[in-house]
Amino acid sequence: MMNRLVRWAPITVEQVRTKCRALGMHPHGVDTIVGFLKRQKEGRRFNVQSSYRAF
């Protein structure tokens, strides 16, 4: 998602939520993925936590 934002532009949050549920993901995981997409749609950046930046 963070490397290919253009690919995610036409995809809605509800489509992602539906697909994740269909794949059997845990509700917390679904909320996490949907939250990332919502933030991206709002124009916000995806920032990795500082502890992982130098990994």
N, C-alpha and C. Protein backbone atom coordinates (compact mmCIF):
# COMPACT_ATOMS: atom_id res chain seq x y z
N MET A 1 0.83 -1.19 0.00
CA MET A 1 0.00 0.00 0.00
C MET A 1 0.87 1.25 0.00
N MET A 2 1.92 1.27 0.78
CA MET A 2 2.71 2.49 0.85
C MET A 2 3.58 2.69 -0.39
N ASN A 3 3.89 1.63 -1.14
CA ASN A 3 4.72 1.78 -2.33
C ASN A 3 3.93 2.03 -3.60
N ARG A 4 2.68 1.63 -3.65
CA ARG A 4 1.85 1.75 -4.86
C ARG A 4 0.51 2.40 -4.53
N LEU A 5 0.53 3.65 -4.10
CA LEU A 5 -0.70 4.33 -3.72
C LEU A 5 -1.69 4.46 -4.87
N VAL A 6 -1.18 4.56 -6.09
CA VAL A 6 -2.06 4.72 -7.25
C VAL A 6 -2.96 3.50 -7.42
N ARG A 7 -2.44 2.33 -7.12
CA ARG A 7 -3.25 1.10 -7.24
C ARG A 7 -4.42 1.09 -6.27
N TRP A 8 -4.27 1.73 -5.14
CA TRP A 8 -5.30 1.72 -4.11
C TRP A 8 -6.33 2.84 -4.28
N ALA A 9 -6.08 3.77 -5.18
CA ALA A 9 -6.98 4.92 -5.36
C ALA A 9 -8.42 4.52 -5.70
N PRO A 10 -8.66 3.58 -6.62
CA PRO A 10 -10.05 3.26 -6.96
C PRO A 10 -10.74 2.31 -5.98
N ILE A 11 -10.02 1.78 -5.02
CA ILE A 11 -10.58 0.80 -4.09
C ILE A 11 -11.18 1.51 -2.89
N THR A 12 -12.41 1.14 -2.53
CA THR A 12 -13.08 1.78 -1.40
C THR A 12 -12.76 1.04 -0.11
N VAL A 13 -13.00 1.72 0.98
CA VAL A 13 -12.77 1.16 2.31
C VAL A 13 -13.69 -0.05 2.52
N GLU A 14 -14.93 0.05 2.07
CA GLU A 14 -15.87 -1.05 2.24
C GLU A 14 -15.47 -2.28 1.43
N GLN A 15 -14.88 -2.08 0.27
CA GLN A 15 -14.40 -3.22 -0.52
C GLN A 15 -13.30 -3.97 0.24
N VAL A 16 -12.41 -3.22 0.84
CA VAL A 16 -11.32 -3.83 1.61
C VAL A 16 -11.87 -4.56 2.83
N ARG A 17 -12.80 -3.92 3.52
CA ARG A 17 -13.40 -4.54 4.71
C ARG A 17 -14.10 -5.86 4.33
N THR A 18 -14.85 -5.84 3.24
CA THR A 18 -15.57 -7.04 2.79
C THR A 18 -14.60 -8.15 2.40
N LYS A 19 -13.55 -7.82 1.67
CA LYS A 19 -12.58 -8.82 1.23
C LYS A 19 -11.83 -9.42 2.42
N CYS A 20 -11.44 -8.59 3.37
CA CYS A 20 -10.73 -9.09 4.55
C CYS A 20 -11.62 -10.04 5.35
N ARG A 21 -12.89 -9.69 5.50
CA ARG A 21 -13.81 -10.57 6.22
C ARG A 21 -14.00 -11.88 5.46
N ALA A 22 -14.09 -11.81 4.13
CA ALA A 22 -14.26 -13.01 3.31
C ALA A 22 -13.05 -13.94 3.44
N LEU A 23 -11.87 -13.35 3.66
CA LEU A 23 -10.65 -14.14 3.82
C LEU A 23 -10.51 -14.72 5.23
N GLY A 24 -11.43 -14.33 6.12
CA GLY A 24 -11.43 -14.88 7.47
C GLY A 24 -10.49 -14.19 8.43
N MET A 25 -10.15 -12.96 8.15
CA MET A 25 -9.25 -12.22 9.04
C MET A 25 -9.94 -11.91 10.37
N HIS A 26 -9.14 -11.80 11.40
CA HIS A 26 -9.62 -11.42 12.73
C HIS A 26 -10.15 -9.99 12.66
N PRO A 27 -11.24 -9.68 13.36
CA PRO A 27 -11.81 -8.32 13.31
C PRO A 27 -10.82 -7.21 13.63
N HIS A 28 -9.90 -7.46 14.55
CA HIS A 28 -8.90 -6.43 14.90
C HIS A 28 -7.98 -6.17 13.70
N GLY A 29 -7.60 -7.24 12.99
CA GLY A 29 -6.76 -7.10 11.80
C GLY A 29 -7.47 -6.35 10.69
N VAL A 30 -8.76 -6.64 10.53
CA VAL A 30 -9.56 -5.93 9.52
C VAL A 30 -9.59 -4.45 9.83
N ASP A 31 -9.83 -4.11 11.09
CA ASP A 31 -9.87 -2.70 11.49
C ASP A 31 -8.54 -2.01 11.26
N THR A 32 -7.43 -2.71 11.48
CA THR A 32 -6.11 -2.14 11.26
C THR A 32 -5.88 -1.82 9.80
N ILE A 33 -6.16 -2.78 8.92
CA ILE A 33 -5.97 -2.57 7.48
C ILE A 33 -6.89 -1.47 6.96
N VAL A 34 -8.14 -1.49 7.38
CA VAL A 34 -9.09 -0.47 6.95
C VAL A 34 -8.67 0.91 7.46
N GLY A 35 -8.13 0.96 8.66
CA GLY A 35 -7.64 2.23 9.21
C GLY A 35 -6.50 2.80 8.38
N PHE A 36 -5.58 1.92 7.93
CA PHE A 36 -4.49 2.39 7.07
C PHE A 36 -5.03 2.97 5.78
N LEU A 37 -6.01 2.29 5.17
CA LEU A 37 -6.57 2.78 3.92
C LEU A 37 -7.33 4.09 4.11
N LYS A 38 -8.09 4.19 5.20
CA LYS A 38 -8.82 5.44 5.48
C LYS A 38 -7.85 6.61 5.61
N ARG A 39 -6.76 6.39 6.32
CA ARG A 39 -5.78 7.46 6.50
C ARG A 39 -5.17 7.86 5.16
N GLN A 40 -4.89 6.87 4.31
CA GLN A 40 -4.32 7.16 3.00
C GLN A 40 -5.31 7.94 2.14
N LYS A 41 -6.59 7.59 2.22
CA LYS A 41 -7.63 8.29 1.45
C LYS A 41 -7.79 9.73 1.93
N GLU A 42 -7.52 9.98 3.20
CA GLU A 42 -7.60 11.32 3.76
C GLU A 42 -6.38 12.17 3.41
N GLY A 43 -5.40 11.54 2.76
CA GLY A 43 -4.21 12.28 2.36
C GLY A 43 -3.09 12.23 3.39
N ARG A 44 -3.27 11.42 4.41
CA ARG A 44 -2.24 11.31 5.43
C ARG A 44 -1.20 10.30 5.00
N ARG A 45 0.00 10.43 5.55
CA ARG A 45 1.11 9.55 5.20
C ARG A 45 1.15 8.35 6.12
N PHE A 46 1.71 7.26 5.61
CA PHE A 46 1.94 6.07 6.41
C PHE A 46 3.33 6.18 6.99
N ASN A 47 3.43 6.29 8.30
CA ASN A 47 4.72 6.43 8.97
C ASN A 47 5.01 5.18 9.79
N VAL A 48 6.14 4.58 9.54
CA VAL A 48 6.57 3.43 10.30
C VAL A 48 7.04 3.91 11.67
N GLN A 49 6.77 3.11 12.70
CA GLN A 49 7.21 3.48 14.03
C GLN A 49 8.72 3.63 14.05
N SER A 50 9.21 4.53 14.85
CA SER A 50 10.65 4.86 14.85
C SER A 50 11.53 3.65 15.15
N SER A 51 11.05 2.68 15.91
CA SER A 51 11.88 1.53 16.24
C SER A 51 12.17 0.65 15.02
N TYR A 52 11.36 0.76 13.96
CA TYR A 52 11.55 -0.06 12.77
C TYR A 52 12.27 0.67 11.63
N ARG A 53 12.49 1.93 11.76
CA ARG A 53 13.09 2.71 10.66
C ARG A 53 14.48 2.24 10.28
N ALA A 54 15.28 1.85 11.25
CA ALA A 54 16.66 1.46 10.98
C ALA A 54 16.80 -0.05 10.79
N PHE A 55 15.70 -0.77 10.75
CA PHE A 55 15.77 -2.22 10.65
C PHE A 55 16.20 -2.65 9.26
